[in-house]
């Protein structure tokens, strides 16, 4: 607890925090009132720009514990032995809503995990779905523009949403996820998380593998119907954030069983799906998930702004033994996330307490900029130098990837079952009759709001290509609502 006299930001004691200084009793306020000016100026600057996406979120600290030997696949030291624990920070979020939006809405959930490892921070920035709407980062700004407020109406417009999805058939799989039962989780504790992308693991011998991460909730999957969500969002917009915080306060620490799918590098070229396509999953029958650890959240942030809003996650934060894949969405995110945080939080955002490494220290030659605290003192800020400064290790964090061909705007290489509809159809057919009925009702309710028949028909056609029954039932439901 902080005690003692109230002070200014510079540490000077404050004589009066109730009245502004004035020129006589009842006179105008004096600009010399440094405490008043400082308070008002600070208040005007208290908010940083909210995230363009994933603005609405909640977070908690916890531990990741290794439960299986994965050293044949990766040399990452935080995964090096059974029982080893690593401190983590996990931020949950919705995607499209702004900072003041409700939690209980139909939207993917962000699942951004920071491991404070002995080799620096490792950020795994995923979602609660194993796939996404698009497969190339060049389409991401367009996609998000359709989910955000229209520049003319100032509202999210069904025409924009369904026009883009109808013209982007690769979205059919994720849209089926989103409008199914799991599109509105009951809480952050009752949903799975996924790394979503394909990543590379490299073992001590330099042998590489492709991996996908799965975080299976130990609390069980629980979802809300559209009607339940609408009632909850209106009654308690902070429902998911409140649920997470109070569960941890009660000592009911949420946990997830951590699994990976592992693909030998040689399999990738001939696998029936493009293994680097974010709109596709690797069926478990082909690459069964292997349990590797347990994630538990057991400590709440003490200040939401400092620790949740100023937390940053960048997919390019790798550690030795883990690296990227040729996934085109991941490749774009390697740049975009770090760049967004440099703009939003500042060039020294990595050095805020929630973001800086906990088990080691950052040793860089970067200096100055907004928020720089002089931590390097008078040490040299260049490399190589002969004054004992940090230097390169000459050992890459991950293994090189073989490349062939010429530069250009290439379509991804073709694989045997690489169309945009097969996995969406498989997902629909895996659903029970009741789940299918709710999926059709949710989709029909959304599509029926568009203003043009051609937009609705094009969207429905994508679902028909995934499964004839799927499209037929959806067309009938939309027609009944549109009249």
Protein backbone atom coordinates (compact mmCIF):
# COMPACT_ATOMS: atom_id res chain seq x y z
CA UNK A 1 0.00 0.00 0.00
CA UNK A 2 1.26 3.48 -0.91
CA UNK A 3 1.34 5.84 2.11
CA UNK A 4 2.58 9.34 2.76
CA UNK A 5 1.61 12.70 1.30
CA UNK A 6 0.06 13.11 -2.15
CA UNK A 7 2.65 14.43 -4.63
CA UNK A 8 2.90 15.71 -8.15
CA UNK A 9 4.35 13.45 -10.86
CA UNK A 10 7.72 15.01 -10.06
CA UNK A 11 7.41 14.07 -6.39
CA UNK A 12 6.61 17.47 -4.87
CA UNK A 13 3.98 17.43 -2.09
CA UNK A 14 0.48 18.64 -3.02
CA UNK A 15 -0.93 21.23 -0.61
CA UNK A 16 -4.54 21.21 -1.83
CA UNK A 17 -6.25 18.60 -4.01
CA UNK A 18 -9.76 20.03 -3.54
CA UNK A 19 -9.59 23.60 -4.90
CA UNK A 20 -7.81 25.16 -7.86
CA UNK A 21 -5.71 28.28 -7.32
CA UNK A 22 -7.57 31.45 -8.32
CA UNK A 23 -6.87 35.17 -8.61
CA UNK A 24 -8.67 36.10 -5.41
CA UNK A 25 -11.85 34.55 -4.04
CA UNK A 26 -14.14 33.82 -7.00
CA UNK A 27 -11.53 34.97 -9.52
CA UNK A 28 -10.27 33.13 -12.63
CA UNK A 29 -8.08 30.04 -12.29
CA UNK A 30 -4.32 30.59 -12.42
CA UNK A 31 -2.14 28.78 -14.95
CA UNK A 32 0.55 28.67 -12.28
CA UNK A 33 -1.42 25.91 -10.51
CA UNK A 34 0.97 23.19 -11.58
CA UNK A 35 -0.97 20.40 -9.88
CA UNK A 36 -4.20 21.34 -11.69
CA UNK A 37 -2.49 21.63 -15.09
CA UNK A 38 -0.64 18.35 -14.60
CA UNK A 39 -3.82 16.49 -13.58
CA UNK A 40 -5.84 17.77 -16.52
CA UNK A 41 -3.03 17.18 -19.02
CA UNK A 42 -2.50 13.65 -17.74
CA UNK A 43 -6.23 12.91 -17.86
CA UNK A 44 -6.38 14.04 -21.49
CA UNK A 45 -3.69 11.50 -22.32
CA UNK A 46 -4.69 8.57 -20.13
CA UNK A 47 -6.11 6.51 -22.97
CA UNK A 48 -3.85 5.06 -25.61
CA UNK A 49 -5.36 4.18 -29.00
CA UNK A 50 -7.33 0.98 -28.67
CA UNK A 51 -6.31 -2.05 -30.69
CA UNK A 52 -7.64 -1.98 -34.25
CA UNK A 53 -8.82 -5.55 -33.64
CA UNK A 54 -9.07 -7.47 -30.35
CA UNK A 55 -9.74 -4.20 -28.51
CA UNK A 56 -12.07 -5.72 -25.94
CA UNK A 57 -10.19 -8.10 -23.66
CA UNK A 58 -9.31 -9.53 -20.26
CA UNK A 59 -6.19 -11.25 -19.00
CA UNK A 60 -4.54 -13.22 -16.21
CA UNK A 61 -1.18 -14.64 -15.18
CA UNK A 62 -0.45 -18.28 -14.62
CA UNK A 63 1.91 -21.16 -15.24
CA UNK A 64 2.59 -23.62 -18.03
CA UNK A 65 3.84 -27.02 -16.89
CA UNK A 66 5.45 -29.58 -19.20
CA UNK A 67 3.85 -33.05 -18.90
CA UNK A 68 5.57 -34.98 -21.71
CA UNK A 69 9.03 -35.32 -23.25
CA UNK A 70 9.12 -33.30 -26.49
CA UNK A 71 12.90 -33.00 -26.79
CA UNK A 72 12.90 -35.27 -29.89
CA UNK A 73 11.01 -32.44 -31.63
CA UNK A 74 12.22 -29.13 -30.17
CA UNK A 75 15.21 -27.69 -28.32
CA UNK A 76 13.11 -24.95 -26.73
CA UNK A 77 14.44 -24.85 -23.16
CA UNK A 78 11.10 -24.08 -21.52
CA UNK A 79 9.91 -27.44 -22.95
CA UNK A 80 13.06 -29.34 -22.04
CA UNK A 81 11.91 -31.54 -19.14
CA UNK A 82 8.76 -32.98 -17.61
CA UNK A 83 7.56 -30.90 -14.68
CA UNK A 84 9.26 -27.68 -15.77
CA UNK A 85 7.15 -24.58 -15.10
CA UNK A 86 7.11 -21.28 -17.00
CA UNK A 87 5.25 -18.13 -15.99
CA UNK A 88 2.68 -16.96 -18.57
CA UNK A 89 0.26 -14.12 -19.24
CA UNK A 90 -2.88 -14.86 -21.27
CA UNK A 91 -5.08 -12.20 -22.85
CA UNK A 92 -8.55 -13.16 -24.11
CA UNK A 93 -10.47 -10.86 -26.43
CA UNK A 94 -13.21 -10.44 -28.97
CA UNK A 95 -12.15 -9.46 -32.49
CA UNK A 96 -14.52 -6.91 -34.01
CA UNK A 97 -15.91 -4.98 -31.05
CA UNK A 98 -14.43 -1.79 -29.67
CA UNK A 99 -13.14 -1.34 -26.13
CA UNK A 100 -16.61 -0.66 -24.74
CA UNK A 101 -18.38 -3.51 -26.54
CA UNK A 102 -20.15 -6.38 -24.77
CA UNK A 103 -18.39 -9.70 -24.15
CA UNK A 104 -21.28 -12.06 -24.96
CA UNK A 105 -21.43 -11.60 -28.73
CA UNK A 106 -20.98 -13.82 -31.77
CA UNK A 107 -17.33 -13.25 -32.63
CA UNK A 108 -14.07 -15.22 -32.60
CA UNK A 109 -12.09 -14.92 -29.36
CA UNK A 110 -8.43 -14.04 -29.26
CA UNK A 111 -6.21 -16.40 -27.23
CA UNK A 112 -2.87 -14.60 -26.90
CA UNK A 113 -0.31 -16.29 -24.67
CA UNK A 114 3.05 -14.91 -23.50
CA UNK A 115 5.58 -17.38 -22.07
CA UNK A 116 8.24 -15.65 -19.92
CA UNK A 117 11.00 -18.15 -20.76
CA UNK A 118 14.67 -18.18 -19.80
CA UNK A 119 15.51 -17.40 -23.45
CA UNK A 120 13.19 -14.40 -23.65
CA UNK A 121 9.48 -14.11 -24.29
CA UNK A 122 7.67 -16.51 -26.59
CA UNK A 123 4.32 -15.20 -27.83
CA UNK A 124 1.72 -17.58 -29.23
CA UNK A 125 -1.05 -15.41 -30.66
CA UNK A 126 -4.06 -17.50 -31.60
CA UNK A 127 -7.86 -17.71 -31.39
CA UNK A 128 -10.55 -20.00 -30.01
CA UNK A 129 -10.99 -21.47 -33.49
CA UNK A 130 -8.43 -23.61 -35.34
CA UNK A 131 -9.07 -21.80 -38.66
CA UNK A 132 -9.66 -18.25 -39.92
CA UNK A 133 -11.65 -16.40 -42.60
CA UNK A 134 -8.79 -15.76 -45.04
CA UNK A 135 -5.49 -17.36 -45.96
CA UNK A 136 -3.39 -14.36 -47.07
CA UNK A 137 -2.56 -11.28 -44.97
CA UNK A 138 -3.00 -8.98 -47.97
CA UNK A 139 -6.77 -9.44 -47.52
CA UNK A 140 -6.78 -8.76 -43.78
CA UNK A 141 -7.39 -4.98 -43.85
CA UNK A 142 -10.29 -5.50 -46.29
CA UNK A 143 -11.79 -8.22 -44.10
CA UNK A 144 -11.58 -6.12 -40.93
CA UNK A 145 -13.09 -3.11 -42.72
CA UNK A 146 -16.19 -5.24 -43.36
CA UNK A 147 -16.47 -6.10 -39.66
CA UNK A 148 -16.00 -2.56 -38.39
CA UNK A 149 -18.27 0.48 -38.71
CA UNK A 150 -19.22 1.57 -42.23
CA UNK A 151 -17.67 4.96 -43.18
CA UNK A 152 -21.09 6.32 -44.21
CA UNK A 153 -23.55 4.82 -41.71
CA UNK A 154 -21.20 4.54 -38.74
CA UNK A 155 -22.60 1.06 -38.00
CA UNK A 156 -21.58 -2.49 -38.80
CA UNK A 157 -23.43 -3.31 -42.02
CA UNK A 158 -24.67 -6.80 -42.96
CA UNK A 159 -24.20 -5.91 -46.63
CA UNK A 160 -20.47 -5.39 -46.09
CA UNK A 161 -20.05 -8.54 -44.01
CA UNK A 162 -21.86 -10.89 -46.36
CA UNK A 163 -20.66 -9.25 -49.56
CA UNK A 164 -17.06 -9.93 -48.55
CA UNK A 165 -17.73 -13.46 -47.28
CA UNK A 166 -19.72 -14.33 -50.39
CA UNK A 167 -16.89 -13.10 -52.60
CA UNK A 168 -14.28 -14.89 -50.45
CA UNK A 169 -15.25 -18.58 -50.54
CA UNK A 170 -12.27 -19.55 -48.37
CA UNK A 171 -14.22 -18.02 -45.45
CA UNK A 172 -16.92 -20.74 -45.60
CA UNK A 173 -15.18 -23.02 -43.10
CA UNK A 174 -14.64 -20.33 -40.43
CA UNK A 175 -18.13 -18.86 -40.94
CA UNK A 176 -19.56 -22.33 -40.24
CA UNK A 177 -17.56 -22.38 -36.99
CA UNK A 178 -18.64 -18.85 -36.09
CA UNK A 179 -22.38 -19.39 -36.59
CA UNK A 180 -22.38 -22.78 -34.91
CA UNK A 181 -22.77 -23.33 -31.18
CA UNK A 182 -19.15 -22.38 -30.41
CA UNK A 183 -19.60 -18.92 -31.93
CA UNK A 184 -20.62 -17.51 -28.53
CA UNK A 185 -18.67 -19.09 -25.65
CA UNK A 186 -20.33 -18.91 -22.22
CA UNK A 187 -17.07 -17.58 -20.75
CA UNK A 188 -13.37 -17.39 -21.51
CA UNK A 189 -12.88 -20.36 -19.18
CA UNK A 190 -15.24 -22.61 -21.13
CA UNK A 191 -13.63 -22.49 -24.58
CA UNK A 192 -10.61 -24.01 -26.29
CA UNK A 193 -7.66 -22.06 -27.63
CA UNK A 194 -5.61 -22.74 -30.74
CA UNK A 195 -2.34 -21.48 -32.16
CA UNK A 196 -4.28 -21.76 -35.44
CA UNK A 197 -1.20 -21.28 -37.64
CA UNK A 198 1.40 -23.90 -38.45
CA UNK A 199 4.74 -23.34 -36.70
CA UNK A 200 8.15 -24.95 -36.89
CA UNK A 201 9.85 -26.88 -34.11
CA UNK A 202 13.56 -27.71 -34.40
CA UNK A 203 15.35 -30.24 -32.20
CA UNK A 204 18.94 -30.18 -30.91
CA UNK A 205 20.17 -32.04 -34.00
CA UNK A 206 18.64 -29.44 -36.33
CA UNK A 207 15.78 -31.68 -37.49
CA UNK A 208 12.61 -29.68 -38.18
CA UNK A 209 8.91 -30.48 -37.73
CA UNK A 210 5.67 -28.62 -38.46
CA UNK A 211 3.34 -28.23 -35.45
CA UNK A 212 -0.12 -26.96 -34.53
CA UNK A 213 -1.09 -26.05 -30.94
CA UNK A 214 -4.35 -26.95 -29.18
CA UNK A 215 -5.45 -25.78 -25.71
CA UNK A 216 -8.37 -27.93 -24.53
CA UNK A 217 -10.36 -26.41 -21.68
CA UNK A 218 -10.47 -28.56 -18.55
CA UNK A 219 -13.70 -26.80 -17.52
CA UNK A 220 -15.58 -28.29 -20.46
CA UNK A 221 -17.05 -26.50 -23.48
CA UNK A 222 -20.01 -24.27 -22.67
CA UNK A 223 -21.75 -21.96 -25.11
CA UNK A 224 -24.61 -19.47 -25.21
CA UNK A 225 -27.53 -19.49 -27.61
CA UNK A 226 -28.17 -16.30 -29.55
CA UNK A 227 -31.07 -15.52 -27.22
CA UNK A 228 -29.07 -16.14 -24.05
CA UNK A 229 -26.21 -14.01 -25.35
CA UNK A 230 -28.45 -11.08 -26.24
CA UNK A 231 -29.94 -11.09 -22.74
CA UNK A 232 -26.53 -11.40 -21.03
CA UNK A 233 -24.86 -8.74 -23.19
CA UNK A 234 -27.58 -6.26 -22.26
CA UNK A 235 -27.58 -7.16 -18.57
CA UNK A 236 -23.82 -7.47 -18.04
CA UNK A 237 -21.59 -6.25 -20.89
CA UNK A 238 -18.52 -7.26 -18.83
CA UNK A 239 -19.72 -10.84 -18.27
CA UNK A 240 -16.65 -12.71 -19.55
CA UNK A 241 -14.13 -10.38 -17.94
CA UNK A 242 -16.01 -10.55 -14.63
CA UNK A 243 -16.30 -14.35 -14.77
CA UNK A 244 -12.56 -14.80 -15.30
CA UNK A 245 -11.59 -12.39 -12.54
CA UNK A 246 -14.00 -13.71 -9.92
CA UNK A 247 -13.19 -17.36 -10.65
CA UNK A 248 -9.52 -16.67 -9.93
CA UNK A 249 -10.45 -14.66 -6.82
CA UNK A 250 -12.40 -17.71 -5.57
CA UNK A 251 -9.42 -19.97 -6.16
CA UNK A 252 -11.15 -21.79 -9.04
CA UNK A 253 -8.16 -21.56 -11.32
CA UNK A 254 -9.08 -22.27 -14.96
CA UNK A 255 -6.81 -24.65 -16.82
CA UNK A 256 -6.25 -26.11 -20.27
CA UNK A 257 -4.62 -29.33 -21.42
CA UNK A 258 -2.04 -28.41 -24.06
CA UNK A 259 -1.64 -30.60 -27.13
CA UNK A 260 0.28 -30.41 -30.39
CA UNK A 261 -0.07 -32.05 -33.77
CA UNK A 262 3.31 -32.87 -35.28
CA UNK A 263 4.00 -33.29 -39.01
CA UNK A 264 7.38 -34.41 -40.38
CA UNK A 265 8.66 -31.74 -42.76
CA UNK A 266 8.80 -34.25 -45.64
CA UNK A 267 5.02 -34.80 -45.42
CA UNK A 268 4.09 -31.21 -46.19
CA UNK A 269 4.63 -31.23 -49.95
CA UNK A 270 2.30 -34.17 -50.60
CA UNK A 271 -0.25 -33.80 -47.79
CA UNK A 272 -3.84 -33.76 -49.07
CA UNK A 273 -4.40 -30.22 -47.71
CA UNK A 274 -1.98 -27.33 -47.85
CA UNK A 275 -0.60 -27.56 -44.28
CA UNK A 276 0.12 -23.80 -44.24
CA UNK A 277 -3.42 -22.72 -45.17
CA UNK A 278 -5.06 -21.00 -42.18
CA UNK A 279 -8.55 -21.88 -43.46
CA UNK A 280 -7.79 -25.61 -43.09
CA UNK A 281 -7.25 -28.00 -40.18
CA UNK A 282 -5.13 -31.13 -40.08
CA UNK A 283 -7.67 -33.90 -39.40
CA UNK A 284 -6.82 -35.68 -36.15
CA UNK A 285 -6.95 -39.04 -37.89
CA UNK A 286 -3.95 -37.93 -39.96
CA UNK A 287 -1.93 -36.31 -37.16
CA UNK A 288 -3.30 -37.22 -33.71
CA UNK A 289 -2.86 -34.53 -31.03
CA UNK A 290 -0.20 -35.32 -28.43
CA UNK A 291 -0.49 -33.95 -24.89
CA UNK A 292 2.57 -31.90 -23.89
CA UNK A 293 1.53 -29.73 -20.95
CA UNK A 294 -0.96 -28.00 -18.72
CA UNK A 295 -1.80 -24.31 -18.60
CA UNK A 296 -3.30 -22.79 -15.44
CA UNK A 297 -4.33 -19.19 -14.72
CA UNK A 298 -3.99 -18.30 -11.05
CA UNK A 299 -3.30 -14.57 -10.63
CA UNK A 300 -5.30 -11.51 -11.68
CA UNK A 301 -3.69 -8.31 -12.95
CA UNK A 302 -3.64 -5.53 -10.37
CA UNK A 303 -4.24 -2.80 -12.96
CA UNK A 304 -6.20 -3.55 -16.13
CA UNK A 305 -4.78 -0.66 -18.12
CA UNK A 306 -1.14 -1.31 -17.25
CA UNK A 307 -1.26 -5.07 -17.62
CA UNK A 308 -4.08 -5.89 -20.06
CA UNK A 309 -4.41 -2.85 -22.31
CA UNK A 310 -0.65 -2.21 -22.50
CA UNK A 311 0.20 -5.88 -22.95
CA UNK A 312 1.55 -6.61 -26.40
CA UNK A 313 1.80 -9.90 -28.26
CA UNK A 314 3.81 -10.38 -31.42
CA UNK A 315 3.99 -13.64 -33.40
CA UNK A 316 7.62 -12.81 -34.23
CA UNK A 317 8.61 -13.29 -30.57
CA UNK A 318 10.19 -16.74 -30.94
CA UNK A 319 12.76 -18.57 -28.80
CA UNK A 320 15.44 -21.07 -29.87
CA UNK A 321 13.79 -24.22 -31.18
CA UNK A 322 10.57 -22.57 -32.40
CA UNK A 323 9.99 -20.59 -35.58
CA UNK A 324 7.55 -19.60 -38.34
CA UNK A 325 6.18 -21.51 -41.31
CA UNK A 326 5.38 -20.36 -44.88
CA UNK A 327 1.76 -19.69 -43.78
CA UNK A 328 1.00 -16.42 -45.63
CA UNK A 329 -1.27 -15.12 -42.88
CA UNK A 330 1.38 -15.80 -40.26
CA UNK A 331 4.06 -14.15 -42.39
CA UNK A 332 1.99 -10.96 -42.56
CA UNK A 333 1.31 -11.02 -38.83
CA UNK A 334 5.05 -11.30 -38.10
CA UNK A 335 5.27 -7.67 -39.23
CA UNK A 336 1.82 -6.29 -38.51
CA UNK A 337 1.52 -7.04 -34.79
CA UNK A 338 4.83 -5.56 -33.74
CA UNK A 339 4.23 -2.54 -35.94
CA UNK A 340 0.77 -1.99 -34.44
CA UNK A 341 2.19 -2.02 -30.91
CA UNK A 342 5.02 0.36 -31.80
CA UNK A 343 2.34 2.80 -33.00
CA UNK A 344 -0.23 2.15 -30.27
CA UNK A 345 1.85 1.76 -27.10
CA UNK A 346 5.21 3.16 -28.18
CA UNK A 347 8.67 2.14 -29.30
CA UNK A 348 9.59 0.99 -25.77
CA UNK A 349 6.41 -1.04 -25.19
CA UNK A 350 8.48 -4.22 -24.84
CA UNK A 351 10.01 -2.80 -21.66
CA UNK A 352 6.76 -2.28 -19.74
CA UNK A 353 6.52 -4.71 -16.79
CA UNK A 354 3.87 -6.93 -18.38
CA UNK A 355 5.83 -7.21 -21.62
CA UNK A 356 9.47 -7.42 -20.63
CA UNK A 357 11.14 -10.81 -20.07
CA UNK A 358 10.80 -12.07 -16.49
CA UNK A 359 13.31 -14.92 -16.45
CA UNK A 360 16.10 -13.08 -18.28
CA UNK A 361 16.84 -9.56 -19.48
CA UNK A 362 16.68 -7.96 -22.90
CA UNK A 363 20.16 -7.07 -24.14
CA UNK A 364 19.83 -4.82 -27.17
CA UNK A 365 21.54 -1.79 -28.69
CA UNK A 366 18.26 0.11 -29.04
CA UNK A 367 18.17 3.42 -27.20
CA UNK A 368 15.98 6.46 -26.67
CA UNK A 369 12.41 7.03 -27.91
CA UNK A 370 9.22 7.79 -25.98
CA UNK A 371 9.19 6.05 -22.62
CA UNK A 372 12.90 5.21 -22.56
CA UNK A 373 14.07 4.96 -18.94
CA UNK A 374 17.84 5.04 -19.41
CA UNK A 375 18.24 1.43 -18.32
CA UNK A 376 21.41 1.00 -20.38
CA UNK A 377 23.26 3.80 -18.66
CA UNK A 378 26.37 4.80 -20.57
CA UNK A 379 27.01 1.44 -22.26
CA UNK A 380 27.91 1.36 -25.94
CA UNK A 381 24.98 1.15 -28.36
CA UNK A 382 26.55 -0.58 -31.35
CA UNK A 383 27.82 -4.01 -32.37
CA UNK A 384 30.47 -5.24 -32.82
CA UNK A 385 32.29 -3.39 -30.07
CA UNK A 386 35.35 -4.08 -27.92
CA UNK A 387 33.79 -2.94 -24.64
CA UNK A 388 32.13 -6.21 -23.67
CA UNK A 389 28.71 -5.49 -25.17
CA UNK A 390 26.21 -8.22 -26.18
CA UNK A 391 26.97 -9.97 -29.46
CA UNK A 392 25.37 -12.47 -31.81
CA UNK A 393 25.23 -16.21 -31.06
CA UNK A 394 25.79 -17.44 -34.65
CA UNK A 395 23.07 -20.07 -34.08
CA UNK A 396 19.68 -19.49 -35.76
CA UNK A 397 16.57 -19.92 -33.61
CA UNK A 398 14.95 -22.25 -36.17
CA UNK A 399 15.87 -24.32 -39.23
CA UNK A 400 16.01 -22.91 -42.76
CA UNK A 401 13.22 -23.71 -45.22
CA UNK A 402 14.13 -24.82 -48.74
CA UNK A 403 12.81 -22.55 -51.52
CA UNK A 404 12.55 -22.82 -55.31
CA UNK A 405 11.07 -20.76 -58.15
CA UNK A 406 10.82 -17.09 -59.00
CA UNK A 407 9.37 -14.13 -57.13
CA UNK A 408 5.79 -13.10 -57.88
CA UNK A 409 2.21 -12.91 -56.62
CA UNK A 410 1.74 -16.67 -56.49
CA UNK A 411 -1.32 -18.73 -55.68
CA UNK A 412 -0.46 -21.32 -53.02
CA UNK A 413 0.67 -24.71 -54.35
CA UNK A 414 -2.15 -27.13 -55.11
CA UNK A 415 -2.82 -30.12 -52.86
CA UNK A 416 -5.16 -33.03 -53.50
CA UNK A 417 -8.16 -31.79 -51.49
CA UNK A 418 -7.43 -28.06 -51.49
CA UNK A 419 -10.81 -26.52 -52.25
CA UNK A 420 -12.54 -23.95 -50.07
CA UNK A 421 -15.55 -26.08 -49.17
CA UNK A 422 -14.58 -29.65 -48.26
CA UNK A 423 -13.71 -28.97 -44.62
CA UNK A 424 -16.74 -26.72 -44.10
CA UNK A 425 -18.92 -29.55 -45.39
CA UNK A 426 -17.14 -32.04 -43.12
CA UNK A 427 -17.77 -29.78 -40.14
CA UNK A 428 -21.47 -29.44 -40.98
CA UNK A 429 -21.87 -33.20 -41.29
CA UNK A 430 -20.15 -33.74 -37.92
CA UNK A 431 -22.82 -31.67 -36.19
CA UNK A 432 -25.85 -33.23 -34.52
CA UNK A 433 -29.31 -32.48 -35.92
CA UNK A 434 -29.91 -29.91 -33.17
CA UNK A 435 -26.54 -28.23 -33.82
CA UNK A 436 -27.31 -28.04 -37.54
CA UNK A 437 -30.69 -26.51 -36.82
CA UNK A 438 -29.16 -23.79 -34.64
CA UNK A 439 -26.43 -23.14 -37.22
CA UNK A 440 -29.01 -22.67 -39.99
CA UNK A 441 -31.11 -20.36 -37.80
CA UNK A 442 -28.08 -18.23 -36.84
CA UNK A 443 -26.88 -17.91 -40.44
CA UNK A 444 -30.35 -17.20 -41.80
CA UNK A 445 -30.94 -14.50 -39.22
CA UNK A 446 -27.73 -12.75 -40.30
CA UNK A 447 -28.00 -13.20 -44.07
CA UNK A 448 -31.65 -12.11 -44.14
CA UNK A 449 -30.55 -8.62 -43.06
CA UNK A 450 -28.69 -7.82 -46.28
CA UNK A 451 -30.36 -5.35 -48.63
CA UNK A 452 -29.65 -7.07 -51.96
CA UNK A 453 -30.75 -10.52 -53.13
CA UNK A 454 -27.53 -11.13 -55.08
CA UNK A 455 -25.42 -10.74 -51.94
CA UNK A 456 -27.62 -13.20 -50.05
CA UNK A 457 -27.69 -15.71 -52.92
CA UNK A 458 -23.92 -15.62 -53.40
CA UNK A 459 -23.34 -16.24 -49.69
CA UNK A 460 -25.81 -19.15 -49.65
CA UNK A 461 -24.18 -20.70 -52.72
CA UNK A 462 -20.88 -21.10 -50.84
CA UNK A 463 -22.62 -23.17 -48.17
CA UNK A 464 -24.40 -25.21 -50.86
CA UNK A 465 -20.98 -26.04 -52.34
CA UNK A 466 -19.88 -27.26 -48.92
CA UNK A 467 -22.92 -29.51 -48.56
CA UNK A 468 -26.08 -29.64 -50.69
CA UNK A 469 -28.36 -30.11 -47.69
CA UNK A 470 -26.60 -27.28 -45.86
CA UNK A 471 -27.26 -24.84 -48.70
CA UNK A 472 -30.80 -26.03 -49.37
CA UNK A 473 -31.90 -25.65 -45.76
CA UNK A 474 -30.20 -22.27 -45.45
CA UNK A 475 -31.84 -20.95 -48.64
CA UNK A 476 -35.26 -21.95 -47.37
CA UNK A 477 -34.66 -20.36 -43.97
CA UNK A 478 -33.45 -17.10 -45.46
CA UNK A 479 -36.38 -17.02 -47.88
CA UNK A 480 -38.83 -17.50 -45.01
CA UNK A 481 -37.32 -14.53 -43.15
CA UNK A 482 -37.03 -12.24 -46.18
CA UNK A 483 -40.55 -13.05 -47.41
